[in-house]
Structures are given as C-alpha cells and as structure tokens.
Amino acid sequence: MDNSTKATVENMTIASADLASTIAELKAGIASLNALVESLKSDNEYLKNNNDLLREENAYLKRKLFGVKSEKMPCSVEQLSLF
C-alpha cells in the first residue's frame, strides 16, 4: 500500500472510533432525556391532581360562603319590601 492509502485507512479508523464514541454519547443523552421526560410527566400528573383538588376545595368554600344560608328566609309576597 502506498502512503496515501495508509493515511486514508488510518483516517477512516479514527473516524470510525469517533463515530462509535459519538453514538455512545448520543445514547447516553437520549437515556438522560427519557428519564427527564418521565420525571416531568410524573410532576405534571401530580400538579394536575393537586389543581383538581384545589378547584374542588375552592368551589366548596364558595358554596359555603355565598351559597344559600339557613338563616335567610324566603321573601313572601305578603311581606313588604323595605327598599
């Protein structure tokens, strides 16, 4: 083999090693991102459930505060309005 062929073969070997290293790095990055996605899905589910509970609590408290009170008597036609 002449020198240019040897240089080409060496360059290809180096390029192949670089590609293998790059592939390993990319796979590690993908695994890391997948773990992050799962973590974020879990956080999102927790926050959705918490939001639903808080909405229910808010609605309950509004009903208690602004809902029909037992002390209030219904207005009757016989009773004159003061205003």
PDB file of N, CA and C in Angstrom:
ATOM      1  N   MET A   1       0.836  -1.176   0.000  1.00  0.00           N
ATOM      2  CA  MET A   1       0.000   0.000   0.000  1.00  0.00           C
ATOM      3  C   MET A   1       0.881   1.239   0.000  1.00  0.00           C
ATOM      4  N   ASP A   2       0.434   2.214  -0.716  1.00  0.00           N
ATOM      5  CA  ASP A   2       1.200   3.457  -0.722  1.00  0.00           C
ATOM      6  C   ASP A   2       0.791   4.327   0.463  1.00  0.00           C
ATOM      7  N   ASN A   3       1.467   5.420   0.643  1.00  0.00           N
ATOM      8  CA  ASN A   3       1.254   6.286   1.809  1.00  0.00           C
ATOM      9  C   ASN A   3      -0.141   6.912   1.841  1.00  0.00           C
ATOM     10  N   SER A   4      -0.651   7.290   0.690  1.00  0.00           N
ATOM     11  CA  SER A   4      -1.974   7.919   0.674  1.00  0.00           C
ATOM     12  C   SER A   4      -3.054   6.921   1.065  1.00  0.00           C
ATOM     13  N   THR A   5      -2.912   5.669   0.672  1.00  0.00           N
ATOM     14  CA  THR A   5      -3.881   4.638   1.035  1.00  0.00           C
ATOM     15  C   THR A   5      -3.826   4.372   2.535  1.00  0.00           C
ATOM     16  N   LYS A   6      -2.592   4.317   3.092  1.00  0.00           N
ATOM     17  CA  LYS A   6      -2.435   4.106   4.530  1.00  0.00           C
ATOM     18  C   LYS A   6      -3.070   5.257   5.310  1.00  0.00           C
ATOM     19  N   ALA A   7      -2.851   6.464   4.851  1.00  0.00           N
ATOM     20  CA  ALA A   7      -3.406   7.637   5.520  1.00  0.00           C
ATOM     21  C   ALA A   7      -4.933   7.599   5.480  1.00  0.00           C
ATOM     22  N   THR A   8      -5.479   7.188   4.353  1.00  0.00           N
ATOM     23  CA  THR A   8      -6.929   7.103   4.217  1.00  0.00           C
ATOM     24  C   THR A   8      -7.495   6.050   5.159  1.00  0.00           C
ATOM     25  N   VAL A   9      -6.854   4.895   5.231  1.00  0.00           N
ATOM     26  CA  VAL A   9      -7.303   3.817   6.117  1.00  0.00           C
ATOM     27  C   VAL A   9      -7.218   4.274   7.577  1.00  0.00           C
ATOM     28  N   GLU A  10      -6.145   4.957   7.946  1.00  0.00           N
ATOM     29  CA  GLU A  10      -5.988   5.452   9.316  1.00  0.00           C
ATOM     30  C   GLU A  10      -7.062   6.495   9.637  1.00  0.00           C
ATOM     31  N   ASN A  11      -7.325   7.369   8.687  1.00  0.00           N
ATOM     32  CA  ASN A  11      -8.367   8.381   8.892  1.00  0.00           C
ATOM     33  C   ASN A  11      -9.743   7.739   9.073  1.00  0.00           C
ATOM     34  N   MET A  12     -10.006   6.695   8.287  1.00  0.00           N
ATOM     35  CA  MET A  12     -11.282   6.002   8.401  1.00  0.00           C
ATOM     36  C   MET A  12     -11.393   5.292   9.745  1.00  0.00           C
ATOM     37  N   THR A  13     -10.288   4.728  10.227  1.00  0.00           N
ATOM     38  CA  THR A  13     -10.289   4.060  11.525  1.00  0.00           C
ATOM     39  C   THR A  13     -10.550   5.071  12.634  1.00  0.00           C
ATOM     40  N   ILE A  14      -9.896   6.221  12.545  1.00  0.00           N
ATOM     41  CA  ILE A  14     -10.105   7.280  13.529  1.00  0.00           C
ATOM     42  C   ILE A  14     -11.547   7.780  13.453  1.00  0.00           C
ATOM     43  N   ALA A  15     -12.049   7.977  12.247  1.00  0.00           N
ATOM     44  CA  ALA A  15     -13.420   8.444  12.067  1.00  0.00           C
ATOM     45  C   ALA A  15     -14.404   7.422  12.630  1.00  0.00           C
ATOM     46  N   SER A  16     -14.125   6.140  12.433  1.00  0.00           N
ATOM     47  CA  SER A  16     -14.989   5.086  12.949  1.00  0.00           C
ATOM     48  C   SER A  16     -15.005   5.102  14.477  1.00  0.00           C
ATOM     49  N   ALA A  17     -13.846   5.305  15.092  1.00  0.00           N
ATOM     50  CA  ALA A  17     -13.765   5.379  16.554  1.00  0.00           C
ATOM     51  C   ALA A  17     -14.516   6.611  17.061  1.00  0.00           C
ATOM     52  N   ASP A  18     -14.375   7.727  16.352  1.00  0.00           N
ATOM     53  CA  ASP A  18     -15.097   8.942  16.731  1.00  0.00           C
ATOM     54  C   ASP A  18     -16.611   8.734  16.635  1.00  0.00           C
ATOM     55  N   LEU A  19     -17.041   8.040  15.581  1.00  0.00           N
ATOM     56  CA  LEU A  19     -18.467   7.775  15.421  1.00  0.00           C
ATOM     57  C   LEU A  19     -18.991   6.885  16.542  1.00  0.00           C
ATOM     58  N   ALA A  20     -18.228   5.876  16.909  1.00  0.00           N
ATOM     59  CA  ALA A  20     -18.648   4.985  17.992  1.00  0.00           C
ATOM     60  C   ALA A  20     -18.770   5.767  19.297  1.00  0.00           C
ATOM     61  N   SER A  21     -17.822   6.653  19.534  1.00  0.00           N
ATOM     62  CA  SER A  21     -17.861   7.487  20.734  1.00  0.00           C
ATOM     63  C   SER A  21     -19.065   8.426  20.693  1.00  0.00           C
ATOM     64  N   THR A  22     -19.304   9.020  19.542  1.00  0.00           N
ATOM     65  CA  THR A  22     -20.436   9.932  19.381  1.00  0.00           C
ATOM     66  C   THR A  22     -21.757   9.193  19.580  1.00  0.00           C
ATOM     67  N   ILE A  23     -21.848   7.989  19.041  1.00  0.00           N
ATOM     68  CA  ILE A  23     -23.067   7.188  19.197  1.00  0.00           C
ATOM     69  C   ILE A  23     -23.311   6.884  20.667  1.00  0.00           C
ATOM     70  N   ALA A  24     -22.262   6.513  21.389  1.00  0.00           N
ATOM     71  CA  ALA A  24     -22.397   6.219  22.819  1.00  0.00           C
ATOM     72  C   ALA A  24     -22.848   7.464  23.583  1.00  0.00           C
ATOM     73  N   GLU A  25     -22.278   8.615  23.242  1.00  0.00           N
ATOM     74  CA  GLU A  25     -22.673   9.865  23.898  1.00  0.00           C
ATOM     75  C   GLU A  25     -24.134  10.199  23.603  1.00  0.00           C
ATOM     76  N   LEU A  26     -24.545   9.996  22.349  1.00  0.00           N
ATOM     77  CA  LEU A  26     -25.932  10.280  21.976  1.00  0.00           C
ATOM     78  C   LEU A  26     -26.908   9.346  22.694  1.00  0.00           C
ATOM     79  N   LYS A  27     -26.540   8.070  22.812  1.00  0.00           N
ATOM     80  CA  LYS A  27     -27.397   7.121  23.525  1.00  0.00           C
ATOM     81  C   LYS A  27     -27.530   7.508  24.991  1.00  0.00           C
ATOM     82  N   ALA A  28     -26.424   7.939  25.593  1.00  0.00           N
ATOM     83  CA  ALA A  28     -26.470   8.381  26.993  1.00  0.00           C
ATOM     84  C   ALA A  28     -27.347   9.630  27.121  1.00  0.00           C
ATOM     85  N   GLY A  29     -27.232  10.533  26.156  1.00  0.00           N
ATOM     86  CA  GLY A  29     -28.063  11.736  26.168  1.00  0.00           C
ATOM     87  C   GLY A  29     -29.535  11.404  26.025  1.00  0.00           C
ATOM     88  N   ILE A  30     -29.851  10.461  25.164  1.00  0.00           N
ATOM     89  CA  ILE A  30     -31.244  10.041  24.967  1.00  0.00           C
ATOM     90  C   ILE A  30     -31.794   9.421  26.244  1.00  0.00           C
ATOM     91  N   ALA A  31     -30.990   8.569  26.890  1.00  0.00           N
ATOM     92  CA  ALA A  31     -31.433   7.946  28.144  1.00  0.00           C
ATOM     93  C   ALA A  31     -31.695   9.009  29.210  1.00  0.00           C
ATOM     94  N   SER A  32     -30.816   9.992  29.269  1.00  0.00           N
ATOM     95  CA  SER A  32     -30.984  11.082  30.235  1.00  0.00           C
ATOM     96  C   SER A  32     -32.255  11.877  29.943  1.00  0.00           C
ATOM     97  N   LEU A  33     -32.501  12.163  28.682  1.00  0.00           N
ATOM     98  CA  LEU A  33     -33.708  12.911  28.304  1.00  0.00           C
ATOM     99  C   LEU A  33     -34.977  12.101  28.568  1.00  0.00           C
ATOM    100  N   ASN A  34     -34.920  10.793  28.325  1.00  0.00           N
ATOM    101  CA  ASN A  34     -36.079   9.945  28.613  1.00  0.00           C
ATOM    102  C   ASN A  34     -36.392   9.947  30.103  1.00  0.00           C
ATOM    103  N   ALA A  35     -35.351   9.906  30.936  1.00  0.00           N
ATOM    104  CA  ALA A  35     -35.562   9.961  32.384  1.00  0.00           C
ATOM    105  C   ALA A  35     -36.180  11.302  32.776  1.00  0.00           C
ATOM    106  N   LEU A  36     -35.713  12.368  32.158  1.00  0.00           N
ATOM    107  CA  LEU A  36     -36.262  13.696  32.434  1.00  0.00           C
ATOM    108  C   LEU A  36     -37.730  13.776  32.017  1.00  0.00           C
ATOM    109  N   VAL A  37     -38.060  13.219  30.861  1.00  0.00           N
ATOM    110  CA  VAL A  37     -39.451  13.220  30.382  1.00  0.00           C
ATOM    111  C   VAL A  37     -40.344  12.478  31.374  1.00  0.00           C
ATOM    112  N   GLU A  38     -39.901  11.323  31.850  1.00  0.00           N
ATOM    113  CA  GLU A  38     -40.698  10.557  32.809  1.00  0.00           C
ATOM    114  C   GLU A  38     -40.883  11.335  34.106  1.00  0.00           C
ATOM    115  N   SER A  39     -39.833  11.986  34.554  1.00  0.00           N
ATOM    116  CA  SER A  39     -39.915  12.799  35.770  1.00  0.00           C
ATOM    117  C   SER A  39     -40.905  13.949  35.581  1.00  0.00           C
ATOM    118  N   LEU A  40     -40.841  14.604  34.446  1.00  0.00           N
ATOM    119  CA  LEU A  40     -41.747  15.721  34.171  1.00  0.00           C
ATOM    120  C   LEU A  40     -43.192  15.246  34.026  1.00  0.00           C
ATOM    121  N   LYS A  41     -43.390  14.065  33.448  1.00  0.00           N
ATOM    122  CA  LYS A  41     -44.745  13.510  33.355  1.00  0.00           C
ATOM    123  C   LYS A  41     -45.310  13.268  34.746  1.00  0.00           C
ATOM    124  N   SER A  42     -44.469  12.725  35.618  1.00  0.00           N
ATOM    125  CA  SER A  42     -44.896  12.469  36.989  1.00  0.00           C
ATOM    126  C   SER A  42     -45.243  13.774  37.702  1.00  0.00           C
ATOM    127  N   ASP A  43     -44.382  14.772  37.564  1.00  0.00           N
ATOM    128  CA  ASP A  43     -44.648  16.083  38.168  1.00  0.00           C
ATOM    129  C   ASP A  43     -45.937  16.685  37.619  1.00  0.00           C
ATOM    130  N   ASN A  44     -46.133  16.571  36.318  1.00  0.00           N
ATOM    131  CA  ASN A  44     -47.326  17.122  35.673  1.00  0.00           C
ATOM    132  C   ASN A  44     -48.586  16.439  36.205  1.00  0.00           C
ATOM    133  N   GLU A  45     -48.540  15.135  36.349  1.00  0.00           N
ATOM    134  CA  GLU A  45     -49.695  14.396  36.860  1.00  0.00           C
ATOM    135  C   GLU A  45     -50.009  14.824  38.295  1.00  0.00           C
ATOM    136  N   TYR A  46     -48.963  14.970  39.112  1.00  0.00           N
ATOM    137  CA  TYR A  46     -49.157  15.425  40.493  1.00  0.00           C
ATOM    138  C   TYR A  46     -49.801  16.814  40.513  1.00  0.00           C
ATOM    139  N   LEU A  47     -49.282  17.713  39.693  1.00  0.00           N
ATOM    140  CA  LEU A  47     -49.803  19.081  39.672  1.00  0.00           C
ATOM    141  C   LEU A  47     -51.246  19.127  39.167  1.00  0.00           C
ATOM    142  N   LYS A  48     -51.573  18.298  38.175  1.00  0.00           N
ATOM    143  CA  LYS A  48     -52.956  18.244  37.687  1.00  0.00           C
ATOM    144  C   LYS A  48     -53.897  17.775  38.793  1.00  0.00           C
ATOM    145  N   ASN A  49     -53.485  16.716  39.501  1.00  0.00           N
ATOM    146  CA  ASN A  49     -54.327  16.208  40.587  1.00  0.00           C
ATOM    147  C   ASN A  49     -54.482  17.250  41.688  1.00  0.00           C
ATOM    148  N   ASN A  50     -53.391  17.905  42.034  1.00  0.00           N
ATOM    149  CA  ASN A  50     -53.430  18.944  43.064  1.00  0.00           C
ATOM    150  C   ASN A  50     -54.334  20.095  42.618  1.00  0.00           C
ATOM    151  N   ASN A  51     -54.246  20.471  41.357  1.00  0.00           N
ATOM    152  CA  ASN A  51     -55.086  21.535  40.809  1.00  0.00           C
ATOM    153  C   ASN A  51     -56.563  21.149  40.903  1.00  0.00           C
ATOM    154  N   ASP A  52     -56.875  19.910  40.556  1.00  0.00           N
ATOM    155  CA  ASP A  52     -58.264  19.450  40.641  1.00  0.00           C
ATOM    156  C   ASP A  52     -58.778  19.523  42.083  1.00  0.00           C
ATOM    157  N   LEU A  53     -57.942  19.076  43.029  1.00  0.00           N
ATOM    158  CA  LEU A  53     -58.350  19.122  44.435  1.00  0.00           C
ATOM    159  C   LEU A  53     -58.568  20.558  44.906  1.00  0.00           C
ATOM    160  N   LEU A  54     -57.681  21.445  44.508  1.00  0.00           N
ATOM    161  CA  LEU A  54     -57.823  22.848  44.907  1.00  0.00           C
ATOM    162  C   LEU A  54     -59.056  23.487  44.277  1.00  0.00           C
ATOM    163  N   ARG A  55     -59.374  23.119  43.046  1.00  0.00           N
ATOM    164  CA  ARG A  55     -60.587  23.634  42.402  1.00  0.00           C
ATOM    165  C   ARG A  55     -61.838  23.161  43.149  1.00  0.00           C
ATOM    166  N   GLU A  56     -61.821  21.880  43.530  1.00  0.00           N
ATOM    167  CA  GLU A  56     -62.960  21.353  44.290  1.00  0.00           C
ATOM    168  C   GLU A  56     -63.092  22.069  45.633  1.00  0.00           C
ATOM    169  N   GLU A  57     -61.964  22.262  46.313  1.00  0.00           N
ATOM    170  CA  GLU A  57     -61.988  22.961  47.599  1.00  0.00           C
ATOM    171  C   GLU A  57     -62.484  24.396  47.427  1.00  0.00           C
ATOM    172  N   ASN A  58     -62.024  25.061  46.389  1.00  0.00           N
ATOM    173  CA  ASN A  58     -62.449  26.434  46.116  1.00  0.00           C
ATOM    174  C   ASN A  58     -63.955  26.486  45.866  1.00  0.00           C
ATOM    175  N   ALA A  59     -64.458  25.571  45.067  1.00  0.00           N
ATOM    176  CA  ALA A  59     -65.899  25.543  44.783  1.00  0.00           C
ATOM    177  C   ALA A  59     -66.693  25.286  46.062  1.00  0.00           C
ATOM    178  N   TYR A  60     -66.206  24.370  46.891  1.00  0.00           N
ATOM    179  CA  TYR A  60     -66.882  24.067  48.157  1.00  0.00           C
ATOM    180  C   TYR A  60     -66.927  25.301  49.054  1.00  0.00           C
ATOM    181  N   LEU A  61     -65.786  25.974  49.176  1.00  0.00           N
ATOM    182  CA  LEU A  61     -65.729  27.159  50.037  1.00  0.00           C
ATOM    183  C   LEU A  61     -66.599  28.291  49.495  1.00  0.00           C
ATOM    184  N   LYS A  62     -66.660  28.440  48.184  1.00  0.00           N
ATOM    185  CA  LYS A  62     -67.541  29.455  47.596  1.00  0.00           C
ATOM    186  C   LYS A  62     -69.003  29.134  47.900  1.00  0.00           C
ATOM    187  N   ARG A  63     -69.355  27.859  47.797  1.00  0.00           N
ATOM    188  CA  ARG A  63     -70.741  27.471  48.104  1.00  0.00           C
ATOM    189  C   ARG A  63     -71.057  27.761  49.570  1.00  0.00           C
ATOM    190  N   LYS A  64     -70.093  27.478  50.447  1.00  0.00           N
ATOM    191  CA  LYS A  64     -70.314  27.753  51.875  1.00  0.00           C
ATOM    192  C   LYS A  64     -70.437  29.246  52.135  1.00  0.00           C
ATOM    193  N   LEU A  65     -69.601  30.035  51.488  1.00  0.00           N
ATOM    194  CA  LEU A  65     -69.575  31.471  51.735  1.00  0.00           C
ATOM    195  C   LEU A  65     -70.740  32.189  51.069  1.00  0.00           C
ATOM    196  N   PHE A  66     -71.006  31.861  49.819  1.00  0.00           N
ATOM    197  CA  PHE A  66     -72.002  32.603  49.051  1.00  0.00           C
ATOM    198  C   PHE A  66     -73.284  31.821  48.795  1.00  0.00           C
ATOM    199  N   GLY A  67     -73.327  30.581  49.224  1.00  0.00           N
ATOM    200  CA  GLY A  67     -74.494  29.746  48.960  1.00  0.00           C
ATOM    201  C   GLY A  67     -75.676  30.150  49.812  1.00  0.00           C
ATOM    202  N   VAL A  68     -76.755  29.395  49.703  1.00  0.00           N
ATOM    203  CA  VAL A  68     -77.971  29.664  50.465  1.00  0.00           C
ATOM    204  C   VAL A  68     -77.655  29.496  51.943  1.00  0.00           C
ATOM    205  N   LYS A  69     -78.020  30.473  52.725  1.00  0.00           N
ATOM    206  CA  LYS A  69     -77.798  30.440  54.170  1.00  0.00           C
ATOM    207  C   LYS A  69     -79.085  29.969  54.844  1.00  0.00           C
ATOM    208  N   SER A  70     -78.928  29.196  55.891  1.00  0.00           N
ATOM    209  CA  SER A  70     -80.117  28.687  56.579  1.00  0.00           C
ATOM    210  C   SER A  70     -80.861  29.795  57.314  1.00  0.00           C
ATOM    211  N   GLU A  71     -80.151  30.877  57.673  1.00  0.00           N
ATOM    212  CA  GLU A  71     -80.800  31.967  58.392  1.00  0.00           C
ATOM    213  C   GLU A  71     -81.725  32.773  57.491  1.00  0.00           C
ATOM    214  N   LYS A  72     -81.448  32.797  56.220  1.00  0.00           N
ATOM    215  CA  LYS A  72     -82.260  33.610  55.316  1.00  0.00           C
ATOM    216  C   LYS A  72     -83.616  32.947  55.105  1.00  0.00           C
ATOM    217  N   MET A  73     -84.612  33.771  55.175  1.00  0.00           N
ATOM    218  CA  MET A  73     -85.959  33.291  54.934  1.00  0.00           C
ATOM    219  C   MET A  73     -86.370  33.714  53.527  1.00  0.00           C
ATOM    220  N   PRO A  74     -87.109  32.886  52.862  1.00  0.00           N
ATOM    221  CA  PRO A  74     -87.558  33.291  51.527  1.00  0.00           C
ATOM    222  C   PRO A  74     -88.520  34.476  51.633  1.00  0.00           C
ATOM    223  N   CYS A  75     -88.432  35.354  50.674  1.00  0.00           N
ATOM    224  CA  CYS A  75     -89.310  36.531  50.652  1.00  0.00           C
ATOM    225  C   CYS A  75     -90.730  36.088  50.322  1.00  0.00           C
ATOM    226  N   SER A  76     -91.651  36.640  51.041  1.00  0.00           N
ATOM    227  CA  SER A  76     -93.040  36.319  50.734  1.00  0.00           C
ATOM    228  C   SER A  76     -93.709  37.552  50.139  1.00  0.00           C
ATOM    229  N   VAL A  77     -94.742  37.324  49.399  1.00  0.00           N
ATOM    230  CA  VAL A  77     -95.464  38.409  48.756  1.00  0.00           C
ATOM    231  C   VAL A  77     -96.162  39.263  49.808  1.00  0.00           C
ATOM    232  N   GLU A  78     -96.602  38.646  50.903  1.00  0.00           N
ATOM    233  CA  GLU A  78     -97.325  39.364  51.940  1.00  0.00           C
ATOM    234  C   GLU A  78     -96.441  40.376  52.669  1.00  0.00           C
ATOM    235  N   GLN A  79     -95.151  40.110  52.694  1.00  0.00           N
ATOM    236  CA  GLN A  79     -94.239  40.995  53.412  1.00  0.00           C
ATOM    237  C   GLN A  79     -93.789  42.112  52.483  1.00  0.00           C
ATOM    238  N   LEU A  80     -93.870  43.337  52.934  1.00  0.00           N
ATOM    239  CA  LEU A  80     -93.495  44.467  52.101  1.00  0.00           C
ATOM    240  C   LEU A  80     -91.982  44.594  52.037  1.00  0.00           C
ATOM    241  N   SER A  81     -91.538  44.995  50.894  1.00  0.00           N
ATOM    242  CA  SER A  81     -90.114  45.223  50.726  1.00  0.00           C
ATOM    243  C   SER A  81     -89.756  46.567  51.321  1.00  0.00           C
ATOM    244  N   LEU A  82     -88.630  46.646  51.984  1.00  0.00           N
ATOM    245  CA  LEU A  82     -88.203  47.902  52.590  1.00  0.00           C
ATOM    246  C   LEU A  82     -87.505  48.803  51.589  1.00  0.00           C
ATOM    247  N   PHE A  83     -87.059  48.278  50.519  1.00  0.00           N
ATOM    248  CA  PHE A  83     -86.300  49.093  49.550  1.00  0.00           C
ATOM    249  C   PHE A  83     -86.945  49.088  48.206  1.00  0.00           C
TER     250      PHE A  83
END
